N, C-alpha and C. Protein backbone atom coordinates (compact mmCIF):
# COMPACT_ATOMS: atom_id res chain seq x y z
N MET A 1 -19.98 59.58 17.40
CA MET A 1 -18.81 58.36 17.34
C MET A 1 -19.10 58.56 15.75
N VAL A 2 -17.59 58.41 14.97
CA VAL A 2 -17.38 58.75 13.83
C VAL A 2 -16.18 57.46 13.94
N GLN A 3 -16.17 56.34 12.50
CA GLN A 3 -15.58 54.89 12.80
C GLN A 3 -14.82 54.77 11.43
N ALA A 4 -13.32 54.05 11.39
CA ALA A 4 -12.58 53.96 10.85
C ALA A 4 -11.86 52.54 10.00
N TYR A 5 -11.76 52.03 8.73
CA TYR A 5 -10.51 51.50 8.47
C TYR A 5 -9.84 52.20 7.73
N ILE A 6 -8.16 52.07 8.15
CA ILE A 6 -6.72 52.94 7.86
C ILE A 6 -6.13 51.61 6.96
N LEU A 7 -5.77 51.65 5.88
CA LEU A 7 -5.17 51.52 5.09
C LEU A 7 -4.07 51.91 5.33
N ILE A 8 -2.61 51.19 5.23
CA ILE A 8 -1.25 51.03 5.63
C ILE A 8 -0.42 50.55 4.72
N GLN A 9 0.42 51.36 3.92
CA GLN A 9 1.49 50.57 3.00
C GLN A 9 2.67 51.10 3.91
N THR A 10 3.68 49.88 4.28
CA THR A 10 4.96 50.35 5.11
C THR A 10 5.82 50.05 4.42
N GLU A 11 6.98 50.43 4.95
CA GLU A 11 8.36 50.14 4.23
C GLU A 11 8.68 48.45 4.30
N VAL A 12 9.68 48.05 3.76
CA VAL A 12 9.49 46.72 3.61
C VAL A 12 10.11 45.79 4.99
N GLY A 13 9.49 45.19 5.42
CA GLY A 13 10.10 44.55 7.06
C GLY A 13 9.06 45.32 8.06
N LYS A 14 8.46 46.27 8.00
CA LYS A 14 8.18 47.16 9.31
C LYS A 14 6.89 47.01 9.43
N ALA A 15 6.01 46.37 9.00
CA ALA A 15 4.35 46.03 9.13
C ALA A 15 4.63 45.98 11.09
N ALA A 16 5.12 45.07 11.40
CA ALA A 16 5.08 43.85 12.45
C ALA A 16 5.01 45.23 13.42
N GLU A 17 6.31 46.04 13.72
CA GLU A 17 6.49 47.27 14.06
C GLU A 17 5.88 48.79 13.87
N VAL A 18 5.09 49.26 12.79
CA VAL A 18 4.42 49.76 13.15
C VAL A 18 2.92 49.63 13.52
N ALA A 19 2.22 47.97 13.12
CA ALA A 19 0.98 47.66 13.77
C ALA A 19 1.52 48.17 15.27
N ARG A 20 2.26 47.74 15.77
CA ARG A 20 2.47 47.60 16.83
C ARG A 20 2.71 49.48 18.00
N LYS A 21 3.21 49.97 17.50
CA LYS A 21 3.20 51.58 17.33
C LYS A 21 2.11 52.10 17.32
N ILE A 22 1.30 51.38 16.78
CA ILE A 22 -0.12 52.39 15.70
C ILE A 22 -0.82 51.77 17.47
N ALA A 23 -1.40 50.87 17.62
CA ALA A 23 -2.06 49.55 18.62
C ALA A 23 -2.37 50.27 20.22
N ALA A 24 -0.78 51.79 19.95
CA ALA A 24 -1.01 51.82 21.57
C ALA A 24 -1.72 53.94 21.34
N ILE A 25 -1.75 53.85 20.19
CA ILE A 25 -2.24 55.21 19.62
C ILE A 25 -4.05 55.41 20.28
N ALA A 26 -4.04 56.47 21.06
CA ALA A 26 -5.34 56.69 21.29
C ALA A 26 -6.28 56.49 20.40
N GLY A 27 -7.41 56.38 20.63
CA GLY A 27 -8.58 56.29 19.43
C GLY A 27 -8.31 54.35 18.88
N VAL A 28 -7.33 54.58 18.48
CA VAL A 28 -6.85 53.54 17.71
C VAL A 28 -7.57 52.21 18.10
N THR A 29 -8.32 50.98 18.09
CA THR A 29 -9.18 50.17 18.64
C THR A 29 -8.57 48.62 17.92
N GLN A 30 -7.98 48.69 17.33
CA GLN A 30 -7.38 47.53 16.52
C GLN A 30 -6.34 48.02 15.20
N ALA A 31 -5.16 46.76 15.59
CA ALA A 31 -4.03 47.14 14.45
C ALA A 31 -3.94 46.09 14.50
N GLU A 32 -3.80 46.05 13.02
CA GLU A 32 -3.04 44.08 13.25
C GLU A 32 -2.08 44.48 11.09
N ASP A 33 -1.00 43.42 11.32
CA ASP A 33 -0.51 43.04 10.29
C ASP A 33 -1.19 42.63 9.33
N VAL A 34 -1.15 42.42 7.74
CA VAL A 34 -1.83 41.74 7.19
C VAL A 34 -1.15 41.44 5.90
N THR A 35 -1.35 40.87 5.11
CA THR A 35 -0.64 40.37 4.07
C THR A 35 -1.55 41.04 3.03
N GLY A 36 -1.04 40.85 1.11
CA GLY A 36 -1.84 41.62 0.55
C GLY A 36 -0.93 42.97 -0.20
N PRO A 37 -2.36 44.03 -0.73
CA PRO A 37 -1.41 45.15 -1.27
C PRO A 37 -1.61 46.23 -0.21
N TYR A 38 -1.96 46.27 1.12
CA TYR A 38 -1.57 46.72 2.02
C TYR A 38 -1.01 45.56 3.35
N ASP A 39 0.05 46.98 4.02
CA ASP A 39 0.29 45.80 5.21
C ASP A 39 0.13 46.30 7.16
N VAL A 40 -1.01 46.74 6.72
CA VAL A 40 -1.52 47.44 7.98
C VAL A 40 -2.53 47.52 8.19
N ILE A 41 -3.97 47.13 8.31
CA ILE A 41 -4.97 47.50 8.84
C ILE A 41 -5.13 48.13 9.98
N VAL A 42 -6.12 48.62 10.01
CA VAL A 42 -5.78 49.44 11.51
C VAL A 42 -7.70 49.98 11.85
N ARG A 43 -8.32 50.10 12.82
CA ARG A 43 -9.74 50.68 12.85
C ARG A 43 -9.53 51.39 13.98
N ALA A 44 -10.08 52.56 13.84
CA ALA A 44 -10.14 53.97 15.11
C ALA A 44 -11.42 54.32 15.12
N GLU A 45 -11.53 55.16 15.58
CA GLU A 45 -12.51 55.81 15.94
C GLU A 45 -12.44 57.11 16.74
N ALA A 46 -13.10 57.88 16.34
CA ALA A 46 -13.11 59.78 16.87
C ALA A 46 -14.53 60.08 17.09
N ARG A 47 -14.69 61.14 18.07
CA ARG A 47 -15.55 61.92 17.80
C ARG A 47 -16.54 62.65 16.78
N ASP A 48 -15.96 62.58 15.61
CA ASP A 48 -16.22 63.40 14.76
C ASP A 48 -14.95 63.64 13.25
N VAL A 49 -15.61 63.85 12.36
CA VAL A 49 -14.87 63.11 11.39
C VAL A 49 -13.52 64.36 11.44
N ASP A 50 -13.50 65.68 11.77
CA ASP A 50 -12.66 66.16 12.04
C ASP A 50 -11.58 65.54 12.97
N GLU A 51 -11.50 65.36 13.93
CA GLU A 51 -10.93 64.48 14.67
C GLU A 51 -10.13 63.06 13.94
N LEU A 52 -10.98 63.02 13.42
CA LEU A 52 -10.35 61.49 12.94
C LEU A 52 -9.43 61.87 12.19
N GLY A 53 -9.66 62.95 10.89
CA GLY A 53 -8.81 63.53 10.62
C GLY A 53 -7.14 64.07 10.99
N LYS A 54 -7.02 64.59 12.44
CA LYS A 54 -6.27 64.98 13.23
C LYS A 54 -5.79 63.88 13.70
N LEU A 55 -6.75 62.79 14.30
CA LEU A 55 -5.73 61.83 14.67
C LEU A 55 -4.33 60.96 13.32
N VAL A 56 -5.38 61.00 11.95
CA VAL A 56 -4.68 59.63 11.03
C VAL A 56 -3.41 60.96 10.55
N VAL A 57 -4.21 62.40 10.41
CA VAL A 57 -2.51 63.18 9.33
C VAL A 57 -1.48 63.56 11.07
N ALA A 58 -1.76 63.93 12.31
CA ALA A 58 -0.65 63.90 13.57
C ALA A 58 -0.63 62.97 14.08
N ARG A 59 -0.92 61.78 14.35
CA ARG A 59 -1.08 60.81 15.23
C ARG A 59 -0.10 59.33 14.27
N ILE A 60 -1.25 59.38 13.47
CA ILE A 60 -1.25 57.30 12.88
C ILE A 60 0.43 58.31 11.99
N GLN A 61 0.22 58.84 10.99
CA GLN A 61 1.33 58.83 9.63
C GLN A 61 2.67 59.62 10.41
N ALA A 62 2.66 60.44 11.70
CA ALA A 62 4.13 60.17 11.80
C ALA A 62 4.47 58.70 12.47
N VAL A 63 3.96 57.72 12.93
CA VAL A 63 5.01 56.87 13.01
C VAL A 63 5.99 56.22 11.74
N GLU A 64 7.55 56.11 12.14
CA GLU A 64 8.02 56.15 11.28
C GLU A 64 7.88 54.82 10.48
N GLY A 65 8.19 54.49 9.11
CA GLY A 65 7.90 53.34 8.46
C GLY A 65 7.07 53.54 7.80
N ILE A 66 6.01 54.02 7.81
CA ILE A 66 4.68 54.37 6.49
C ILE A 66 5.15 55.11 5.45
N THR A 67 4.91 54.39 4.39
CA THR A 67 4.68 55.06 3.52
C THR A 67 3.19 55.66 2.70
N ARG A 68 2.73 55.18 3.52
CA ARG A 68 0.99 55.59 2.18
C ARG A 68 -0.04 54.94 3.22
N THR A 69 -0.99 56.00 3.66
CA THR A 69 -2.33 55.91 4.55
C THR A 69 -3.40 56.17 3.34
N LEU A 70 -4.56 55.20 3.37
CA LEU A 70 -6.01 55.44 3.03
C LEU A 70 -7.01 55.16 4.00
N THR A 71 -8.17 56.68 4.58
CA THR A 71 -8.84 56.09 5.40
C THR A 71 -9.78 56.03 4.61
N CYS A 72 -10.81 54.90 5.24
CA CYS A 72 -12.05 54.49 5.19
C CYS A 72 -13.03 55.01 6.12
N PRO A 73 -13.48 55.98 6.08
CA PRO A 73 -14.96 55.91 7.49
C PRO A 73 -15.72 54.73 7.15
N ILE A 74 -16.09 54.69 7.65
CA ILE A 74 -17.35 53.41 7.71
C ILE A 74 -18.59 53.81 8.23
N VAL A 75 -19.76 53.37 7.00
CA VAL A 75 -21.05 54.10 6.83
C VAL A 75 -22.69 53.15 7.22
N HIS A 76 -23.10 53.72 7.87
CA HIS A 76 -24.11 52.60 7.96
C HIS A 76 -24.96 52.40 7.03
N ILE A 77 -25.89 51.87 6.25
CA ILE A 77 -26.48 52.43 5.36
C ILE A 77 -28.28 51.73 5.53
């Protein structure tokens, strides 16, 4: 299982709506609208890195109102 945080920038005024839509996507375990340089922070999980990439590119980035994403896979050192 691969887990990641996905940091998202949105169009002005769209953070809450984007977080709500992303929270409903399978594989997303948490989606919160926040303040700071990013507007939404998502925690997601997938079977492997390829599935994680598909989740981000095909499902999450397809949500209207997103302008940029940064995916940060979780590592256990």
